[in-house]
Every structure is written in C-alpha cells, then in structure tokens.
Protein backbone atom coordinates (compact mmCIF):
# COMPACT_ATOMS: atom_id res chain seq x y z
CA MET A 1 121.28 40.71 155.91
CA PRO A 2 119.35 43.37 157.05
CA MET A 3 118.49 43.41 160.68
CA ILE A 4 114.77 44.47 161.44
CA ARG A 5 113.91 45.67 165.24
CA VAL A 6 111.14 44.53 166.94
CA ARG A 7 109.45 47.68 166.56
CA GLU A 8 110.12 47.88 162.87
CA ALA A 9 108.95 44.38 162.24
CA ALA A 10 105.56 45.04 163.98
CA GLU A 11 104.74 47.78 161.56
CA LEU A 12 105.90 45.62 158.80
CA LEU A 13 103.58 43.05 159.84
CA GLY A 14 100.75 44.97 160.66
CA VAL A 15 100.23 44.15 164.47
CA SER A 16 101.32 45.34 167.85
CA ASP A 17 105.10 45.03 169.47
CA ASP A 18 104.01 42.67 171.75
CA THR A 19 102.74 40.07 169.47
CA VAL A 20 105.95 40.13 167.65
CA ARG A 21 107.71 39.84 171.16
CA ARG A 22 105.17 36.93 171.67
CA TRP A 23 105.89 35.14 168.28
CA ILE A 24 109.77 35.63 169.13
CA GLU A 25 109.16 34.14 172.69
CA ASP A 26 107.23 31.00 171.46
CA GLY A 27 109.83 30.47 168.60
CA SER A 28 107.73 31.07 165.77
CA LEU A 29 109.82 34.28 165.09
CA PRO A 30 113.88 33.59 165.18
CA ALA A 31 115.28 36.74 167.00
CA SER A 32 119.06 37.78 168.10
CA GLN A 33 120.64 41.03 169.74
CA ASP A 34 122.22 43.51 168.37
CA ALA A 35 125.45 45.46 169.48
CA SER A 36 122.99 47.62 171.80
CA SER A 37 121.59 44.17 173.62
CA ARG A 38 118.18 44.91 171.43
CA LYS A 39 116.11 42.23 170.13
CA VAL A 40 116.42 42.36 166.09
CA ILE A 41 115.03 40.05 163.74
CA ASP A 42 117.13 38.77 160.55
CA GLY A 43 115.39 40.53 157.21
CA ALA A 44 114.99 37.33 155.54
CA ALA A 45 113.40 35.51 157.97
CA LEU A 46 111.13 38.33 158.74
CA ALA A 47 110.36 38.36 155.06
CA ASP A 48 109.73 34.43 154.95
CA PHE A 49 107.67 35.15 158.33
CA ALA A 50 105.64 37.86 156.58
CA ARG A 51 104.45 35.63 153.90
CA THR A 52 101.85 34.00 156.09
CA ASN A 53 101.58 36.12 158.93
CA ALA A 54 101.28 39.80 157.78
CA ALA A 55 97.78 41.14 158.73
CA THR A 56 97.56 44.70 157.09
CA ALA A 57 99.97 47.08 154.64
CA PRO A 58 102.51 48.86 156.96
CA LYS A 59 102.73 52.34 156.49
CA ASP A 60 104.99 53.97 153.96
CA PRO A 61 108.64 54.57 155.70
CA ILE A 62 110.00 56.34 152.97
CA GLY A 63 107.92 59.33 153.37
CA VAL A 64 108.87 61.02 150.26
CA SER A 65 106.07 63.10 148.31
CA SER A 66 104.63 61.63 144.98
CA SER A 67 102.04 62.22 143.06
CA ALA A 68 101.62 58.13 142.94
CA ARG A 69 98.98 57.01 145.30
CA ASN A 70 98.92 53.61 144.72
CA ARG A 71 102.33 53.01 147.15
CA PHE A 72 102.62 49.37 148.88
CA ALA A 73 105.39 49.52 151.52
CA GLY A 74 106.90 46.12 152.62
CA LEU A 75 109.66 43.47 152.67
CA VAL A 76 111.56 41.89 149.92
CA THR A 77 111.00 38.46 150.12
CA LYS A 78 112.63 36.96 146.96
CA VAL A 79 114.76 38.25 144.04
CA THR A 80 115.48 36.30 140.78
CA ALA A 81 118.09 37.77 138.50
CA ASP A 82 120.04 36.58 135.69
CA THR A 83 122.66 38.91 133.74
CA VAL A 84 120.03 41.50 132.31
CA MET A 85 116.49 41.22 134.16
CA ALA A 86 115.17 40.15 137.90
CA GLN A 87 111.97 39.63 139.19
CA VAL A 88 111.42 40.94 142.93
CA GLU A 89 108.53 39.83 144.99
CA MET A 90 107.46 41.76 148.19
CA GLN A 91 104.98 40.80 150.85
CA CYS A 92 103.13 44.20 151.49
CA GLY A 93 101.13 43.51 154.24
CA PRO A 94 98.67 40.57 153.24
CA PHE A 95 99.19 41.40 149.56
CA THR A 96 102.50 40.01 147.27
CA VAL A 97 103.56 42.44 144.85
CA VAL A 98 105.95 41.35 142.07
CA SER A 99 108.20 43.59 139.82
CA LEU A 100 110.17 43.27 137.04
CA MET A 101 113.39 45.37 136.60
CA SER A 102 117.18 45.32 135.06
CA SER A 103 119.77 43.23 137.44
CA GLU A 104 121.35 46.51 137.60
CA ALA A 105 118.36 48.34 139.05
CA VAL A 106 118.56 45.26 142.02
CA ARG A 107 122.10 46.04 142.86
CA GLU A 108 122.09 49.81 142.80
CA LEU A 109 118.83 49.57 145.20
CA ASN A 110 120.72 46.64 147.02
CA LEU A 111 117.55 44.75 147.29
CA GLU A 112 117.68 41.49 148.49
CA PRO A 113 115.20 39.23 150.75
CA GLY A 114 114.58 41.30 153.93
CA SER A 115 115.28 44.56 152.39
CA ILE A 116 112.50 47.16 153.07
CA ALA A 117 111.01 48.77 150.26
CA VAL A 118 108.22 50.49 148.80
CA ALA A 119 106.27 49.05 145.35
CA VAL A 120 104.89 52.41 143.50
CA VAL A 121 102.06 51.11 140.88
CA LYS A 122 101.56 53.82 138.35
CA ALA A 123 99.09 52.12 135.67
CA THR A 124 97.17 53.38 132.70
CA THR A 125 94.80 50.21 132.59
CA VAL A 126 93.31 48.37 135.12
CA ILE A 127 91.51 44.97 134.27
CA VAL A 128 88.83 43.60 136.39
CA GLU A 129 87.97 39.72 135.70
CA THR A 130 84.88 37.59 137.35
CA THR A 131 83.87 33.84 137.18
CA THR A 132 80.45 34.84 135.83
CA PRO A 133 79.91 32.87 132.31
CA GLN A 134 79.86 35.27 129.66
CA LYS A 135 76.53 35.94 127.69
CA PRO A 136 76.35 35.04 124.10
C-alpha cells in the first residue's frame, strides 16, 4: 500500500498540513511512522477519508505538458476488476471521477486504493441536464 506524508495528504485533501495533523491527533485519520520517524498515512485509509473530507481539487502532482486541460489529480478510492475490464474510482477534491479501462492497464499502472493519479478527460460532447420541465 502507498504511504503518504502529511504534506502530500494536505495537498490531496485541499487543506493545510496543520489540519491533517489535527485530524491525526483527534483520531479521525489514522497514521503511523516511516523509517525516518515521519508521520505517514496509509493510502487506502486516506482514500476512504477523502471521500467525505476533501475540500478542493489538488494540484497536478505529475507536472507533465499536455494538450488536455481537464486534468483531475486525486486518490484512487476503489478498483473493481475482472479478467478483461476494470472500473477505477478516484476522489479528486470534492469530485468523484470514474474511469473504465482494461484490467491490464490497471495492473501496468499499479492502480490500487490510495494510489495518487491524474484523470485526464478529453471529450467531444458535454450534455447538460436540468430539472426544468420540457415545453411541449
């Protein structure tokens, strides 16, 4: 499982380092110590916590140049896979992003709950819906 430092967790949740430390101190967010005695958070535990506590979308941690403008950095919260296809759920700040991909791609990217990843959305159609009744 990925282990995430307090500073990285704060960036992913869109809060300050102090807020993450307070959550650790009050028991809301479990943490342990790494080999250097720094506090770290299990990636899967942070992913569960992010589902309800992420305030803003984090900065893109990969920092690559891309023509895609719709990039959502976040934590993988769930991976459901069979032998051919997989569904990957990510918490990107207050937003949930779901991607369907091959199970092979999930294995190659080593995606698991708690992994840090970037969802890149490139769509040609955007559908807007409303609750306003349609006119006859």
